[in-house]
């Protein structure tokens, strides 16, 4: 396995991790910001008010994007298994 192959594999892995995390993180960010604005306007400082809606929103985002996330992971894993001979230098 050459140094360029290692860097390429690491780059693809990091990009996939970012793509898979983005829907959940963006959802939590948007909902958290909206609740923070609501808490600032109403001056209600309750910890559960920010946690529960974020947890529900992230669960919904996971239900919506879950199939896509699993298919991307499976595709990446299949491509990785198919490229093992190339990484070992036998092909």
PDB file of N, CA and C in Angstrom:
ATOM      1  N   UNK A   1       0.857  -1.167   0.000  1.00  0.00           N
ATOM      2  CA  UNK A   1       0.000   0.000   0.000  1.00  0.00           C
ATOM      3  C   UNK A   1       0.902   1.228   0.000  1.00  0.00           C
ATOM      4  N   UNK A   2       0.709   2.069  -0.983  1.00  0.00           N
ATOM      5  CA  UNK A   2       1.560   3.241  -1.092  1.00  0.00           C
ATOM      6  C   UNK A   2       1.027   4.372  -0.209  1.00  0.00           C
ATOM      7  N   UNK A   3       1.864   5.368  -0.085  1.00  0.00           N
ATOM      8  CA  UNK A   3       1.488   6.513   0.739  1.00  0.00           C
ATOM      9  C   UNK A   3       0.303   7.262   0.124  1.00  0.00           C
ATOM     10  N   UNK A   4       0.262   7.355  -1.198  1.00  0.00           N
ATOM     11  CA  UNK A   4      -0.859   8.027  -1.870  1.00  0.00           C
ATOM     12  C   UNK A   4      -2.171   7.269  -1.679  1.00  0.00           C
ATOM     13  N   UNK A   5      -2.106   5.958  -1.663  1.00  0.00           N
ATOM     14  CA  UNK A   5      -3.313   5.164  -1.437  1.00  0.00           C
ATOM     15  C   UNK A   5      -3.842   5.359  -0.016  1.00  0.00           C
ATOM     16  N   UNK A   6      -2.940   5.443   0.940  1.00  0.00           N
ATOM     17  CA  UNK A   6      -3.352   5.656   2.328  1.00  0.00           C
ATOM     18  C   UNK A   6      -4.015   7.018   2.469  1.00  0.00           C
ATOM     19  N   UNK A   7      -3.414   8.044   1.870  1.00  0.00           N
ATOM     20  CA  UNK A   7      -3.986   9.391   1.940  1.00  0.00           C
ATOM     21  C   UNK A   7      -5.337   9.437   1.239  1.00  0.00           C
ATOM     22  N   UNK A   8      -5.445   8.782   0.082  1.00  0.00           N
ATOM     23  CA  UNK A   8      -6.716   8.752  -0.653  1.00  0.00           C
ATOM     24  C   UNK A   8      -7.799   8.042   0.150  1.00  0.00           C
ATOM     25  N   UNK A   9      -7.458   6.925   0.757  1.00  0.00           N
ATOM     26  CA  UNK A   9      -8.428   6.181   1.577  1.00  0.00           C
ATOM     27  C   UNK A   9      -8.848   7.000   2.792  1.00  0.00           C
ATOM     28  N   UNK A  10      -7.896   7.653   3.436  1.00  0.00           N
ATOM     29  CA  UNK A  10      -8.224   8.482   4.596  1.00  0.00           C
ATOM     30  C   UNK A  10      -9.108   9.658   4.188  1.00  0.00           C
ATOM     31  N   UNK A  11      -8.827  10.265   3.038  1.00  0.00           N
ATOM     32  CA  UNK A  11      -9.644  11.379   2.557  1.00  0.00           C
ATOM     33  C   UNK A  11     -11.073  10.934   2.280  1.00  0.00           C
ATOM     34  N   UNK A  12     -11.235   9.794   1.603  1.00  0.00           N
ATOM     35  CA  UNK A  12     -12.580   9.294   1.322  1.00  0.00           C
ATOM     36  C   UNK A  12     -13.329   8.950   2.607  1.00  0.00           C
ATOM     37  N   UNK A  13     -12.618   8.401   3.577  1.00  0.00           N
ATOM     38  CA  UNK A  13     -13.237   8.043   4.849  1.00  0.00           C
ATOM     39  C   UNK A  13     -13.706   9.289   5.599  1.00  0.00           C
ATOM     40  N   UNK A  14     -12.872  10.311   5.630  1.00  0.00           N
ATOM     41  CA  UNK A  14     -13.250  11.556   6.321  1.00  0.00           C
ATOM     42  C   UNK A  14     -14.415  12.244   5.617  1.00  0.00           C
ATOM     43  N   UNK A  15     -14.420  12.251   4.290  1.00  0.00           N
ATOM     44  CA  UNK A  15     -15.535  12.854   3.559  1.00  0.00           C
ATOM     45  C   UNK A  15     -16.838  12.110   3.820  1.00  0.00           C
ATOM     46  N   UNK A  16     -16.776  10.787   3.841  1.00  0.00           N
ATOM     47  CA  UNK A  16     -17.977  10.003   4.129  1.00  0.00           C
ATOM     48  C   UNK A  16     -18.478  10.265   5.536  1.00  0.00           C
ATOM     49  N   UNK A  17     -17.567  10.353   6.497  1.00  0.00           N
ATOM     50  CA  UNK A  17     -17.973  10.643   7.872  1.00  0.00           C
ATOM     51  C   UNK A  17     -18.645  12.011   7.965  1.00  0.00           C
ATOM     52  N   UNK A  18     -18.117  12.985   7.256  1.00  0.00           N
ATOM     53  CA  UNK A  18     -18.733  14.314   7.238  1.00  0.00           C
ATOM     54  C   UNK A  18     -20.095  14.312   6.589  1.00  0.00           C
ATOM     55  N   UNK A  19     -20.223  13.584   5.477  1.00  0.00           N
ATOM     56  CA  UNK A  19     -21.519  13.501   4.790  1.00  0.00           C
ATOM     57  C   UNK A  19     -22.565  12.810   5.655  1.00  0.00           C
ATOM     58  N   UNK A  20     -22.157  11.779   6.372  1.00  0.00           N
ATOM     59  CA  UNK A  20     -23.115  11.049   7.200  1.00  0.00           C
ATOM     60  C   UNK A  20     -23.511  11.831   8.454  1.00  0.00           C
ATOM     61  N   UNK A  21     -22.611  12.628   8.977  1.00  0.00           N
ATOM     62  CA  UNK A  21     -22.906  13.390  10.186  1.00  0.00           C
ATOM     63  C   UNK A  21     -23.662  14.686   9.899  1.00  0.00           C
ATOM     64  N   UNK A  22     -23.524  15.212   8.691  1.00  0.00           N
ATOM     65  CA  UNK A  22     -24.079  16.531   8.372  1.00  0.00           C
ATOM     66  C   UNK A  22     -25.586  16.660   8.614  1.00  0.00           C
ATOM     67  N   UNK A  23     -26.427  15.735   8.146  1.00  0.00           N
ATOM     68  CA  UNK A  23     -27.875  15.938   8.365  1.00  0.00           C
ATOM     69  C   UNK A  23     -28.254  16.027   9.843  1.00  0.00           C
ATOM     70  N   UNK A  24     -27.643  15.204  10.665  1.00  0.00           N
ATOM     71  CA  UNK A  24     -27.972  15.217  12.090  1.00  0.00           C
ATOM     72  C   UNK A  24     -27.428  16.474  12.769  1.00  0.00           C
ATOM     73  N   UNK A  25     -26.210  16.853  12.428  1.00  0.00           N
ATOM     74  CA  UNK A  25     -25.612  18.025  13.058  1.00  0.00           C
ATOM     75  C   UNK A  25     -26.300  19.318  12.638  1.00  0.00           C
ATOM     76  N   UNK A  26     -26.650  19.415  11.361  1.00  0.00           N
ATOM     77  CA  UNK A  26     -27.336  20.622  10.886  1.00  0.00           C
ATOM     78  C   UNK A  26     -28.724  20.726  11.524  1.00  0.00           C
ATOM     79  N   UNK A  27     -29.408  19.602  11.647  1.00  0.00           N
ATOM     80  CA  UNK A  27     -30.717  19.602  12.297  1.00  0.00           C
ATOM     81  C   UNK A  27     -30.606  20.071  13.750  1.00  0.00           C
ATOM     82  N   UNK A  28     -29.646  19.519  14.473  1.00  0.00           N
ATOM     83  CA  UNK A  28     -29.454  19.926  15.872  1.00  0.00           C
ATOM     84  C   UNK A  28     -29.073  21.401  15.974  1.00  0.00           C
ATOM     85  N   UNK A  29     -28.279  21.874  15.022  1.00  0.00           N
ATOM     86  CA  UNK A  29     -27.869  23.275  15.037  1.00  0.00           C
ATOM     87  C   UNK A  29     -29.049  24.205  14.801  1.00  0.00           C
ATOM     88  N   UNK A  30     -29.867  23.897  13.809  1.00  0.00           N
ATOM     89  CA  UNK A  30     -31.010  24.758  13.477  1.00  0.00           C
ATOM     90  C   UNK A  30     -32.033  24.760  14.607  1.00  0.00           C
ATOM     91  N   UNK A  31     -32.360  23.598  15.116  1.00  0.00           N
ATOM     92  CA  UNK A  31     -33.336  23.519  16.201  1.00  0.00           C
ATOM     93  C   UNK A  31     -32.787  24.179  17.463  1.00  0.00           C
ATOM     94  N   UNK A  32     -31.515  23.956  17.769  1.00  0.00           N
ATOM     95  CA  UNK A  32     -30.914  24.587  18.938  1.00  0.00           C
ATOM     96  C   UNK A  32     -30.906  26.102  18.830  1.00  0.00           C
ATOM     97  N   UNK A  33     -30.616  26.614  17.629  1.00  0.00           N
ATOM     98  CA  UNK A  33     -30.631  28.061  17.435  1.00  0.00           C
ATOM     99  C   UNK A  33     -32.043  28.622  17.597  1.00  0.00           C
ATOM    100  N   UNK A  34     -33.031  27.938  17.026  1.00  0.00           N
ATOM    101  CA  UNK A  34     -34.413  28.410  17.146  1.00  0.00           C
ATOM    102  C   UNK A  34     -34.872  28.421  18.600  1.00  0.00           C
ATOM    103  N   UNK A  35     -34.507  27.403  19.332  1.00  0.00           N
ATOM    104  CA  UNK A  35     -34.909  27.347  20.737  1.00  0.00           C
ATOM    105  C   UNK A  35     -34.167  28.395  21.556  1.00  0.00           C
ATOM    106  N   UNK A  36     -32.917  28.651  21.223  1.00  0.00           N
ATOM    107  CA  UNK A  36     -32.169  29.705  21.919  1.00  0.00           C
ATOM    108  C   UNK A  36     -32.799  31.068  21.695  1.00  0.00           C
ATOM    109  N   UNK A  37     -33.223  31.320  20.463  1.00  0.00           N
ATOM    110  CA  UNK A  37     -33.903  32.585  20.177  1.00  0.00           C
ATOM    111  C   UNK A  37     -35.208  32.660  20.966  1.00  0.00           C
ATOM    112  N   UNK A  38     -35.955  31.563  20.991  1.00  0.00           N
ATOM    113  CA  UNK A  38     -37.206  31.526  21.750  1.00  0.00           C
ATOM    114  C   UNK A  38     -36.952  31.774  23.234  1.00  0.00           C
ATOM    115  N   UNK A  39     -35.901  31.139  23.791  1.00  0.00           N
ATOM    116  CA  UNK A  39     -35.582  31.333  25.205  1.00  0.00           C
ATOM    117  C   UNK A  39     -35.138  32.765  25.481  1.00  0.00           C
ATOM    118  N   UNK A  40     -34.435  33.373  24.548  1.00  0.00           N
ATOM    119  CA  UNK A  40     -34.012  34.768  24.730  1.00  0.00           C
ATOM    120  C   UNK A  40     -35.201  35.709  24.722  1.00  0.00           C
ATOM    121  N   UNK A  41     -36.139  35.440  23.822  1.00  0.00           N
ATOM    122  CA  UNK A  41     -37.310  36.310  23.717  1.00  0.00           C
ATOM    123  C   UNK A  41     -38.200  36.184  24.947  1.00  0.00           C
ATOM    124  N   UNK A  42     -38.440  34.964  25.378  1.00  0.00           N
ATOM    125  CA  UNK A  42     -39.363  34.739  26.492  1.00  0.00           C
ATOM    126  C   UNK A  42     -38.677  34.748  27.855  1.00  0.00           C
ATOM    127  N   UNK A  43     -37.372  34.755  27.889  1.00  0.00           N
ATOM    128  CA  UNK A  43     -36.565  34.724  29.105  1.00  0.00           C
ATOM    129  C   UNK A  43     -36.856  33.492  29.966  1.00  0.00           C
ATOM    130  N   UNK A  44     -37.150  32.392  29.302  1.00  0.00           N
ATOM    131  CA  UNK A  44     -37.318  31.114  29.991  1.00  0.00           C
ATOM    132  C   UNK A  44     -35.982  30.378  29.896  1.00  0.00           C
ATOM    133  N   UNK A  45     -35.383  30.054  31.020  1.00  0.00           N
ATOM    134  CA  UNK A  45     -34.091  29.371  31.035  1.00  0.00           C
ATOM    135  C   UNK A  45     -34.263  27.973  31.623  1.00  0.00           C
ATOM    136  N   UNK A  46     -34.802  27.095  30.841  1.00  0.00           N
ATOM    137  CA  UNK A  46     -35.040  25.720  31.276  1.00  0.00           C
ATOM    138  C   UNK A  46     -34.195  24.797  30.400  1.00  0.00           C
ATOM    139  N   UNK A  47     -33.407  23.922  31.020  1.00  0.00           N
ATOM    140  CA  UNK A  47     -32.492  23.056  30.281  1.00  0.00           C
ATOM    141  C   UNK A  47     -33.230  22.040  29.419  1.00  0.00           C
ATOM    142  N   UNK A  48     -34.325  21.502  29.930  1.00  0.00           N
ATOM    143  CA  UNK A  48     -35.054  20.500  29.160  1.00  0.00           C
ATOM    144  C   UNK A  48     -35.735  21.104  27.947  1.00  0.00           C
ATOM    145  N   UNK A  49     -35.989  22.396  27.986  1.00  0.00           N
ATOM    146  CA  UNK A  49     -36.618  23.052  26.841  1.00  0.00           C
ATOM    147  C   UNK A  49     -35.710  23.020  25.618  1.00  0.00           C
ATOM    148  N   UNK A  50     -34.409  23.013  25.817  1.00  0.00           N
ATOM    149  CA  UNK A  50     -33.506  22.953  24.674  1.00  0.00           C
ATOM    150  C   UNK A  50     -33.138  21.520  24.307  1.00  0.00           C
ATOM    151  N   UNK A  51     -33.121  20.616  25.275  1.00  0.00           N
ATOM    152  CA  UNK A  51     -32.683  19.250  25.003  1.00  0.00           C
ATOM    153  C   UNK A  51     -33.745  18.403  24.315  1.00  0.00           C
ATOM    154  N   UNK A  52     -34.942  18.412  24.808  1.00  0.00           N
ATOM    155  CA  UNK A  52     -35.987  17.515  24.311  1.00  0.00           C
ATOM    156  C   UNK A  52     -36.336  17.791  22.840  1.00  0.00           C
ATOM    157  N   UNK A  53     -36.579  19.042  22.439  1.00  0.00           N
ATOM    158  CA  UNK A  53     -36.870  19.262  21.018  1.00  0.00           C
ATOM    159  C   UNK A  53     -35.701  18.908  20.099  1.00  0.00           C
ATOM    160  N   UNK A  54     -34.463  19.149  20.560  1.00  0.00           N
ATOM    161  CA  UNK A  54     -33.312  18.765  19.740  1.00  0.00           C
ATOM    162  C   UNK A  54     -33.237  17.256  19.584  1.00  0.00           C
ATOM    163  N   UNK A  55     -33.495  16.529  20.653  1.00  0.00           N
ATOM    164  CA  UNK A  55     -33.458  15.065  20.585  1.00  0.00           C
ATOM    165  C   UNK A  55     -34.533  14.533  19.650  1.00  0.00           C
ATOM    166  N   UNK A  56     -35.716  15.123  19.728  1.00  0.00           N
ATOM    167  CA  UNK A  56     -36.813  14.698  18.839  1.00  0.00           C
ATOM    168  C   UNK A  56     -36.482  15.029  17.388  1.00  0.00           C
ATOM    169  N   UNK A  57     -35.936  16.226  17.131  1.00  0.00           N
ATOM    170  CA  UNK A  57     -35.602  16.626  15.769  1.00  0.00           C
ATOM    171  C   UNK A  57     -34.499  15.753  15.179  1.00  0.00           C
ATOM    172  N   UNK A  58     -33.500  15.418  15.981  1.00  0.00           N
ATOM    173  CA  UNK A  58     -32.422  14.552  15.498  1.00  0.00           C
ATOM    174  C   UNK A  58     -32.953  13.148  15.225  1.00  0.00           C
ATOM    175  N   UNK A  59     -33.867  12.662  16.056  1.00  0.00           N
ATOM    176  CA  UNK A  59     -34.471  11.345  15.807  1.00  0.00           C
ATOM    177  C   UNK A  59     -35.264  11.344  14.509  1.00  0.00           C
ATOM    178  N   UNK A  60     -35.990  12.412  14.244  1.00  0.00           N
ATOM    179  CA  UNK A  60     -36.741  12.516  12.988  1.00  0.00           C
ATOM    180  C   UNK A  60     -35.789  12.592  11.799  1.00  0.00           C
ATOM    181  N   UNK A  61     -34.701  13.369  11.940  1.00  0.00           N
ATOM    182  CA  UNK A  61     -33.712  13.456  10.863  1.00  0.00           C
ATOM    183  C   UNK A  61     -33.064  12.104  10.612  1.00  0.00           C
ATOM    184  N   UNK A  62     -32.844  11.343  11.672  1.00  0.00           N
ATOM    185  CA  UNK A  62     -32.277  10.002  11.511  1.00  0.00           C
ATOM    186  C   UNK A  62     -33.249   9.074  10.798  1.00  0.00           C
ATOM    187  N   UNK A  63     -34.542   9.192  11.103  1.00  0.00           N
ATOM    188  CA  UNK A  63     -35.542   8.388  10.406  1.00  0.00           C
ATOM    189  C   UNK A  63     -35.625   8.764   8.923  1.00  0.00           C
ATOM    190  N   UNK A  64     -35.525  10.050   8.642  1.00  0.00           N
ATOM    191  CA  UNK A  64     -35.633  10.513   7.254  1.00  0.00           C
ATOM    192  C   UNK A  64     -34.388  10.150   6.458  1.00  0.00           C
ATOM    193  N   UNK A  65     -33.214  10.350   7.036  1.00  0.00           N
ATOM    194  CA  UNK A  65     -31.953  10.163   6.311  1.00  0.00           C
ATOM    195  C   UNK A  65     -31.302   8.807   6.557  1.00  0.00           C
ATOM    196  N   UNK A  66     -31.876   7.989   7.411  1.00  0.00           N
ATOM    197  CA  UNK A  66     -31.254   6.729   7.789  1.00  0.00           C
ATOM    198  C   UNK A  66     -30.994   5.785   6.639  1.00  0.00           C
ATOM    199  N   UNK A  67     -31.954   5.649   5.739  1.00  0.00           N
ATOM    200  CA  UNK A  67     -31.781   4.747   4.597  1.00  0.00           C
ATOM    201  C   UNK A  67     -30.621   5.204   3.721  1.00  0.00           C
ATOM    202  N   UNK A  68     -30.559   6.497   3.461  1.00  0.00           N
ATOM    203  CA  UNK A  68     -29.462   7.032   2.652  1.00  0.00           C
ATOM    204  C   UNK A  68     -28.117   6.821   3.342  1.00  0.00           C
ATOM    205  N   UNK A  69     -28.073   7.029   4.655  1.00  0.00           N
ATOM    206  CA  UNK A  69     -26.832   6.868   5.398  1.00  0.00           C
ATOM    207  C   UNK A  69     -26.336   5.420   5.354  1.00  0.00           C
ATOM    208  N   UNK A  70     -27.250   4.486   5.515  1.00  0.00           N
ATOM    209  CA  UNK A  70     -26.864   3.078   5.469  1.00  0.00           C
ATOM    210  C   UNK A  70     -26.405   2.683   4.072  1.00  0.00           C
ATOM    211  N   UNK A  71     -27.105   3.145   3.042  1.00  0.00           N
ATOM    212  CA  UNK A  71     -26.705   2.786   1.676  1.00  0.00           C
ATOM    213  C   UNK A  71     -25.345   3.382   1.320  1.00  0.00           C
ATOM    214  N   UNK A  72     -25.047   4.585   1.785  1.00  0.00           N
ATOM    215  CA  UNK A  72     -23.727   5.180   1.544  1.00  0.00           C
ATOM    216  C   UNK A  72     -22.637   4.382   2.261  1.00  0.00           C
ATOM    217  N   UNK A  73     -22.917   3.959   3.479  1.00  0.00           N
ATOM    218  CA  UNK A  73     -21.938   3.166   4.233  1.00  0.00           C
ATOM    219  C   UNK A  73     -21.683   1.821   3.575  1.00  0.00           C
ATOM    220  N   UNK A  74     -22.739   1.177   3.113  1.00  0.00           N
ATOM    221  CA  UNK A  74     -22.604  -0.123   2.459  1.00  0.00           C
ATOM    222  C   UNK A  74     -21.845   0.017   1.143  1.00  0.00           C
ATOM    223  N   UNK A  75     -22.145   1.052   0.377  1.00  0.00           N
ATOM    224  CA  UNK A  75     -21.445   1.277  -0.889  1.00  0.00           C
ATOM    225  C   UNK A  75     -19.960   1.511  -0.646  1.00  0.00           C
ATOM    226  N   UNK A  76     -19.630   2.325   0.337  1.00  0.00           N
ATOM    227  CA  UNK A  76     -18.226   2.586   0.654  1.00  0.00           C
ATOM    228  C   UNK A  76     -17.521   1.302   1.081  1.00  0.00           C
ATOM    229  N   UNK A  77     -18.177   0.493   1.901  1.00  0.00           N
ATOM    230  CA  UNK A  77     -17.579  -0.752   2.372  1.00  0.00           C
ATOM    231  C   UNK A  77     -17.373  -1.727   1.223  1.00  0.00           C
ATOM    232  N   UNK A  78     -18.352  -1.818   0.324  1.00  0.00           N
ATOM    233  CA  UNK A  78     -18.201  -2.701  -0.833  1.00  0.00           C
ATOM    234  C   UNK A  78     -17.055  -2.252  -1.731  1.00  0.00           C
ATOM    235  N   UNK A  79     -16.934  -0.947  -1.957  1.00  0.00           N
ATOM    236  CA  UNK A  79     -15.821  -0.438  -2.763  1.00  0.00           C
ATOM    237  C   UNK A  79     -14.486  -0.710  -2.085  1.00  0.00           C
ATOM    238  N   UNK A  80     -14.469  -0.609  -0.771  1.00  0.00           N
ATOM    239  CA  UNK A  80     -13.246  -0.873  -0.025  1.00  0.00           C
ATOM    240  C   UNK A  80     -12.850  -2.341  -0.132  1.00  0.00           C
ATOM    241  N   UNK A  81     -13.816  -3.238  -0.015  1.00  0.00           N
ATOM    242  CA  UNK A  81     -13.515  -4.668  -0.141  1.00  0.00           C
ATOM    243  C   UNK A  81     -13.052  -5.019  -1.550  1.00  0.00           C
ATOM    244  N   UNK A  82     -13.634  -4.383  -2.561  1.00  0.00           N
ATOM    245  CA  UNK A  82     -13.237  -4.652  -3.943  1.00  0.00           C
ATOM    246  C   UNK A  82     -11.839  -4.114  -4.236  1.00  0.00           C
ATOM    247  N   UNK A  83     -11.404  -3.122  -3.496  1.00  0.00           N
ATOM    248  CA  UNK A  83     -10.089  -2.540  -3.757  1.00  0.00           C
ATOM    249  C   UNK A  83      -8.985  -3.152  -2.896  1.00  0.00           C
ATOM    250  N   UNK A  84      -9.280  -4.161  -2.095  1.00  0.00           N
ATOM    251  CA  UNK A  84      -8.261  -4.789  -1.265  1.00  0.00           C
ATOM    252  C   UNK A  84      -7.125  -5.370  -2.107  1.00  0.00           C
ATOM    253  N   UNK A  85      -7.406  -6.076  -3.209  1.00  0.00           N
ATOM    254  CA  UNK A  85      -6.273  -6.573  -4.018  1.00  0.00           C
ATOM    255  C   UNK A  85      -5.377  -5.443  -4.549  1.00  0.00           C
ATOM    256  N   UNK A  86      -5.959  -4.329  -4.884  1.00  0.00           N
ATOM    257  CA  UNK A  86      -5.168  -3.189  -5.354  1.00  0.00           C
ATOM    258  C   UNK A  86      -4.292  -2.653  -4.236  1.00  0.00           C
ATOM    259  N   UNK A  87      -4.844  -2.571  -3.032  1.00  0.00           N
ATOM    260  CA  UNK A  87      -4.074  -2.074  -1.905  1.00  0.00           C
ATOM    261  C   UNK A  87      -2.954  -3.038  -1.508  1.00  0.00           C
ATOM    262  N   UNK A  88      -3.186  -4.330  -1.707  1.00  0.00           N
ATOM    263  CA  UNK A  88      -2.155  -5.312  -1.382  1.00  0.00           C
ATOM    264  C   UNK A  88      -1.093  -5.424  -2.476  1.00  0.00           C
ATOM    265  N   UNK A  89      -1.392  -4.857  -3.641  1.00  0.00           N
ATOM    266  CA  UNK A  89      -0.425  -4.861  -4.730  1.00  0.00           C
ATOM    267  C   UNK A  89      -0.461  -6.118  -5.580  1.00  0.00           C
ATOM    268  N   UNK A  90      -1.518  -6.908  -5.450  1.00  0.00           N
ATOM    269  CA  UNK A  90      -1.612  -8.133  -6.235  1.00  0.00           C
ATOM    270  C   UNK A  90      -2.306  -7.915  -7.572  1.00  0.00           C
ATOM    271  N   UNK A  91      -2.854  -6.761  -7.776  1.00  0.00           N
ATOM    272  CA  UNK A  91      -3.574  -6.506  -9.021  1.00  0.00           C
ATOM    273  C   UNK A  91      -3.069  -5.253  -9.665  1.00  0.00           C
TER     274      UNK A  91
END
